[in-house]
């Protein structure tokens, strides 16, 4: 049987649909809002000159109009942005995995621009979550995503290189370095010793690197405790980039809210993408 060619457009659709599918499979645990914020990021990236201030305005406008399905921390951060036109100061308890979902579309738009991808991801997270562990965990996931959408599965060296070059937290770097050498039972997103963002990054990078079957990997993440919805969304997104939309079971796509919008955003973000077969 001939190997099925997965195009960049297939991967992009698999990535954005994966965000929604994974969250749905986990019971929609607080991801509706994060998916909406991710769509805001995607739409801003389609502008001629994307701008962080305008992105913050998109988030605030959605929060004022809807605001459901986001964490209390994110709601507080958006309120601060709205009132003071600036991010809140760093403080204790600012770390969580949710921001990793909303900045995921950056990887689809800038896979061949690593410096812009790293900077854009970091600063977008810091708008609402001024926490180094959260921001660099998002960078780790997006660097991996950028490699996957280019059809390159061995992303761990690139993630390590990005983290080392930018003095990322040692807990995150250590977690990424050990991923090729550990089994599933040693990746415990339900026990976030290094913090929730690092735990999420570790779990989703592990499934994208080590688990060959999308459905099995996503179900493992969705059935876990802790931030299961976030983990399942990102894990499905990464494996969707890796394997293309066709790897997502058809039954999971039935009744998926805004599937057409996600496919359209993926198509527009990936138009300039050239991916080897």
Protein backbone atom coordinates (compact mmCIF):
# COMPACT_ATOMS: atom_id res chain seq x y z
CA UNK A 1 0.00 0.00 0.00
CA UNK A 2 1.36 3.43 -0.95
CA UNK A 3 2.15 5.76 1.90
CA UNK A 4 -0.45 8.49 2.20
CA UNK A 5 1.06 11.92 1.68
CA UNK A 6 0.17 14.34 4.44
CA UNK A 7 0.26 17.93 3.21
CA UNK A 8 0.91 21.05 5.23
CA UNK A 9 -2.77 21.97 4.90
CA UNK A 10 -3.75 18.53 6.27
CA UNK A 11 -1.46 19.05 9.24
CA UNK A 12 -2.72 22.56 9.92
CA UNK A 13 -6.33 21.35 9.95
CA UNK A 14 -5.36 18.47 12.20
CA UNK A 15 -3.73 20.91 14.60
CA UNK A 16 -6.58 23.38 15.01
CA UNK A 17 -9.31 20.75 14.93
CA UNK A 18 -7.27 18.77 17.44
CA UNK A 19 -7.47 21.60 19.95
CA UNK A 20 -11.25 21.44 19.88
CA UNK A 21 -11.55 17.66 19.61
CA UNK A 22 -9.27 16.97 22.56
CA UNK A 23 -11.15 19.39 24.77
CA UNK A 24 -14.49 17.87 23.73
CA UNK A 25 -13.27 14.36 24.46
CA UNK A 26 -12.21 15.41 27.95
CA UNK A 27 -15.68 16.73 28.66
CA UNK A 28 -15.07 20.31 27.63
CA UNK A 29 -13.43 21.13 30.94
CA UNK A 30 -13.07 24.88 30.65
CA UNK A 31 -11.62 24.90 27.13
CA UNK A 32 -14.38 26.70 25.23
CA UNK A 33 -12.98 30.05 26.19
CA UNK A 34 -9.39 29.08 25.53
CA UNK A 35 -10.33 27.90 22.05
CA UNK A 36 -12.02 31.26 21.45
CA UNK A 37 -8.86 33.07 22.58
CA UNK A 38 -6.81 30.82 20.28
CA UNK A 39 -9.04 31.84 17.37
CA UNK A 40 -8.36 35.48 18.29
CA UNK A 41 -4.63 34.74 18.00
CA UNK A 42 -5.12 33.05 14.63
CA UNK A 43 -7.12 35.98 13.29
CA UNK A 44 -4.54 38.48 14.51
CA UNK A 45 -1.76 36.49 12.82
CA UNK A 46 -3.61 36.87 9.51
CA UNK A 47 -3.27 40.67 9.69
CA UNK A 48 -0.60 42.31 7.55
CA UNK A 49 1.32 43.36 10.66
CA UNK A 50 0.27 41.42 13.79
CA UNK A 51 0.33 43.52 16.93
CA UNK A 52 0.30 42.51 20.61
CA UNK A 53 -1.76 45.53 21.65
CA UNK A 54 -4.41 44.69 19.07
CA UNK A 55 -4.31 41.03 20.14
CA UNK A 56 -4.97 42.06 23.73
CA UNK A 57 -7.88 44.13 22.44
CA UNK A 58 -9.34 41.09 20.67
CA UNK A 59 -9.10 39.05 23.86
CA UNK A 60 -10.69 41.80 25.94
CA UNK A 61 -13.52 42.28 23.42
CA UNK A 62 -14.32 38.56 23.50
CA UNK A 63 -14.11 38.51 27.31
CA UNK A 64 -16.58 41.40 27.59
CA UNK A 65 -18.98 39.84 25.10
CA UNK A 66 -18.78 36.25 26.33
CA UNK A 67 -16.02 35.40 28.80
CA UNK A 68 -17.13 31.83 29.52
CA UNK A 69 -14.83 28.85 29.81
CA UNK A 70 -11.66 30.61 30.94
CA UNK A 71 -9.82 30.28 34.22
CA UNK A 72 -10.24 32.83 37.03
CA UNK A 73 -6.57 33.76 36.57
CA UNK A 74 -7.14 34.57 32.90
CA UNK A 75 -10.28 36.57 33.70
CA UNK A 76 -8.37 38.62 36.29
CA UNK A 77 -5.56 39.22 33.81
CA UNK A 78 -7.93 40.40 31.07
CA UNK A 79 -9.67 42.69 33.53
CA UNK A 80 -6.30 44.19 34.45
CA UNK A 81 -5.40 44.64 30.77
CA UNK A 82 -8.73 46.35 30.13
CA UNK A 83 -8.39 48.74 33.07
CA UNK A 84 -4.69 49.59 32.87
CA UNK A 85 -3.73 48.82 29.25
CA UNK A 86 -0.79 46.81 30.59
CA UNK A 87 -0.17 43.30 31.94
CA UNK A 88 -0.30 42.67 35.66
CA UNK A 89 2.96 42.39 37.58
CA UNK A 90 4.36 38.88 38.14
CA UNK A 91 3.24 37.26 41.34
CA UNK A 92 2.72 33.92 43.05
CA UNK A 93 0.18 31.56 41.55
CA UNK A 94 0.36 32.95 38.01
CA UNK A 95 1.26 29.64 36.38
CA UNK A 96 -1.20 27.30 34.64
CA UNK A 97 -1.49 25.31 31.45
CA UNK A 98 -4.35 27.20 29.78
CA UNK A 99 -2.20 29.80 27.95
CA UNK A 100 -0.45 27.00 26.07
CA UNK A 101 -3.72 26.37 24.23
CA UNK A 102 -4.41 29.93 23.19
CA UNK A 103 -0.98 30.63 21.64
CA UNK A 104 -0.82 27.34 19.72
CA UNK A 105 -1.84 28.92 16.35
CA UNK A 106 1.45 30.83 16.28
CA UNK A 107 3.22 27.61 15.35
CA UNK A 108 1.06 27.28 12.25
CA UNK A 109 1.88 30.80 11.10
CA UNK A 110 5.63 30.89 11.80
CA UNK A 111 7.12 27.38 11.52
CA UNK A 112 10.08 28.60 9.46
CA UNK A 113 10.71 31.69 11.61
CA UNK A 114 11.96 30.26 14.91
CA UNK A 115 13.06 33.56 16.42
CA UNK A 116 9.72 35.21 15.70
CA UNK A 117 7.86 32.13 16.92
CA UNK A 118 9.75 32.00 20.21
CA UNK A 119 9.45 35.74 20.84
CA UNK A 120 5.80 35.91 19.81
CA UNK A 121 4.79 32.92 21.92
CA UNK A 122 6.65 34.17 24.99
CA UNK A 123 5.28 37.70 24.88
CA UNK A 124 1.71 36.63 24.09
CA UNK A 125 1.66 34.38 27.16
CA UNK A 126 3.15 37.12 29.32
CA UNK A 127 0.21 39.40 28.49
CA UNK A 128 -1.94 37.37 30.88
CA UNK A 129 0.42 35.02 32.73
CA UNK A 130 3.69 36.72 33.70
CA UNK A 131 5.28 33.45 34.77
CA UNK A 132 8.48 32.08 33.24
CA UNK A 133 7.47 28.43 33.62
CA UNK A 134 4.21 29.03 31.77
CA UNK A 135 5.74 31.15 29.01
CA UNK A 136 8.63 28.80 28.30
CA UNK A 137 6.39 25.74 28.47
CA UNK A 138 4.31 27.35 25.71
CA UNK A 139 7.49 28.00 23.72
CA UNK A 140 8.49 24.34 24.10
CA UNK A 141 5.14 23.17 22.76
CA UNK A 142 5.14 25.64 19.87
CA UNK A 143 8.70 24.81 18.79
CA UNK A 144 7.65 21.16 18.68
CA UNK A 145 4.50 22.08 16.75
CA UNK A 146 6.52 24.06 14.22
CA UNK A 147 8.69 21.02 13.51
CA UNK A 148 5.70 18.69 13.27
CA UNK A 149 3.86 20.85 10.74
CA UNK A 150 6.99 20.66 8.60
CA UNK A 151 6.80 16.87 8.72
CA UNK A 152 9.73 16.51 11.11
CA UNK A 153 8.93 14.25 14.03
CA UNK A 154 12.17 14.41 15.98
CA UNK A 155 11.52 17.77 17.61
CA UNK A 156 13.16 17.18 21.00
CA UNK A 157 16.63 18.54 19.98
CA UNK A 158 15.04 21.72 18.63
CA UNK A 159 13.02 22.25 21.80
CA UNK A 160 16.10 21.73 23.97
CA UNK A 161 18.13 24.13 21.83
CA UNK A 162 15.48 26.84 22.14
CA UNK A 163 15.21 26.43 25.92
CA UNK A 164 18.99 26.40 26.48
CA UNK A 165 19.55 29.45 24.27
CA UNK A 166 17.02 31.47 26.26
CA UNK A 167 17.90 30.39 29.82
CA UNK A 168 14.52 28.74 30.32
CA UNK A 169 13.70 27.32 33.78
CA UNK A 170 15.83 24.30 34.62
CA UNK A 171 12.79 22.26 35.69
CA UNK A 172 11.33 22.54 32.20
CA UNK A 173 14.62 21.82 30.47
CA UNK A 174 15.21 18.73 32.61
CA UNK A 175 11.69 17.49 31.94
CA UNK A 176 12.12 17.81 28.16
CA UNK A 177 15.54 16.16 28.17
CA UNK A 178 14.22 13.02 29.81
CA UNK A 179 11.18 12.54 27.54
CA UNK A 180 12.86 10.21 25.00
CA UNK A 181 13.94 7.88 27.80
CA UNK A 182 10.80 7.48 29.91
CA UNK A 183 7.62 5.48 29.56
CA UNK A 184 4.07 6.73 29.87
CA UNK A 185 3.83 5.81 33.54
CA UNK A 186 6.72 8.16 34.28
CA UNK A 187 4.96 11.13 32.69
CA UNK A 188 2.40 12.17 35.28
CA UNK A 189 0.36 15.24 34.28
CA UNK A 190 -1.86 14.54 37.30
CA UNK A 191 1.08 15.18 39.63
CA UNK A 192 2.50 18.53 38.53
CA UNK A 193 5.61 18.57 40.71
CA UNK A 194 7.22 21.20 38.46
CA UNK A 195 3.98 23.18 38.16
CA UNK A 196 0.94 22.74 35.92
CA UNK A 197 2.41 24.32 32.79
CA UNK A 198 5.56 22.18 32.85
CA UNK A 199 3.46 19.08 33.55
CA UNK A 200 1.21 19.85 30.59
CA UNK A 201 4.15 20.49 28.25
CA UNK A 202 5.86 17.27 29.34
CA UNK A 203 2.75 15.14 28.83
CA UNK A 204 1.79 16.48 25.41
CA UNK A 205 5.34 16.44 24.09
CA UNK A 206 5.68 12.86 25.26
CA UNK A 207 2.59 11.64 23.41
CA UNK A 208 3.55 13.51 20.24
CA UNK A 209 7.05 12.00 20.34
CA UNK A 210 6.42 8.50 21.70
CA UNK A 211 2.79 7.50 21.08
CA UNK A 212 2.20 6.36 17.48
CA UNK A 213 -1.60 6.13 17.72
CA UNK A 214 -3.43 9.45 18.02
CA UNK A 215 -6.61 8.03 19.50
CA UNK A 216 -4.78 6.10 22.21
CA UNK A 217 -2.65 9.09 23.20
CA UNK A 218 -5.55 11.51 23.38
CA UNK A 219 -7.70 9.12 25.41
CA UNK A 220 -4.88 8.67 27.92
CA UNK A 221 -4.63 12.44 28.36
CA UNK A 222 -8.40 12.96 28.45
CA UNK A 223 -8.91 10.26 31.08
CA UNK A 224 -6.34 11.77 33.43
CA UNK A 225 -6.88 14.11 36.31
CA UNK A 226 -5.52 17.62 36.78
CA UNK A 227 -5.78 19.78 33.66
CA UNK A 228 -7.10 16.89 31.54
CA UNK A 229 -8.97 19.12 29.09
CA UNK A 230 -5.91 21.25 28.43
CA UNK A 231 -3.66 18.22 28.10
CA UNK A 232 -6.05 16.42 25.74
CA UNK A 233 -6.52 19.53 23.60
CA UNK A 234 -2.81 20.15 23.16
CA UNK A 235 -1.95 16.49 22.79
CA UNK A 236 -4.55 16.03 20.06
CA UNK A 237 -3.37 19.23 18.39
CA UNK A 238 0.25 18.09 18.28
CA UNK A 239 -0.63 14.62 17.00
CA UNK A 240 -3.03 16.22 14.52
CA UNK A 241 -0.12 18.25 13.17
CA UNK A 242 2.02 15.13 13.07
CA UNK A 243 -0.48 12.84 11.33
CA UNK A 244 -2.95 15.20 9.63
CA UNK A 245 -6.71 15.65 9.99
CA UNK A 246 -7.36 12.15 8.65
CA UNK A 247 -5.84 10.64 11.81
CA UNK A 248 -8.63 12.12 13.96
CA UNK A 249 -11.51 9.61 14.22
CA UNK A 250 -14.54 10.76 12.23
CA UNK A 251 -16.80 10.20 15.22
CA UNK A 252 -14.84 12.78 17.19
CA UNK A 253 -15.50 15.43 14.55
CA UNK A 254 -19.28 14.93 14.49
CA UNK A 255 -21.01 17.93 16.02
CA UNK A 256 -17.75 19.72 16.71
CA UNK A 257 -18.56 23.41 17.30
CA UNK A 258 -17.09 25.79 14.73
CA UNK A 259 -15.30 23.05 12.79
CA UNK A 260 -15.72 25.01 9.54
CA UNK A 261 -14.24 28.12 11.12
CA UNK A 262 -11.24 26.15 12.40
CA UNK A 263 -10.66 24.57 8.99
CA UNK A 264 -10.83 27.99 7.34
CA UNK A 265 -8.34 29.49 9.80
CA UNK A 266 -6.01 26.54 9.29
CA UNK A 267 -6.22 26.94 5.51
CA UNK A 268 -5.44 30.63 5.66
CA UNK A 269 -2.59 30.24 8.14
CA UNK A 270 -0.95 27.48 6.09
CA UNK A 271 -1.22 29.04 2.63
CA UNK A 272 2.45 30.00 2.48
CA UNK A 273 3.64 26.79 4.12
CA UNK A 274 5.93 24.57 2.06
CA UNK A 275 6.28 21.12 3.60
CA UNK A 276 8.32 18.19 2.31
CA UNK A 277 6.27 15.09 1.54
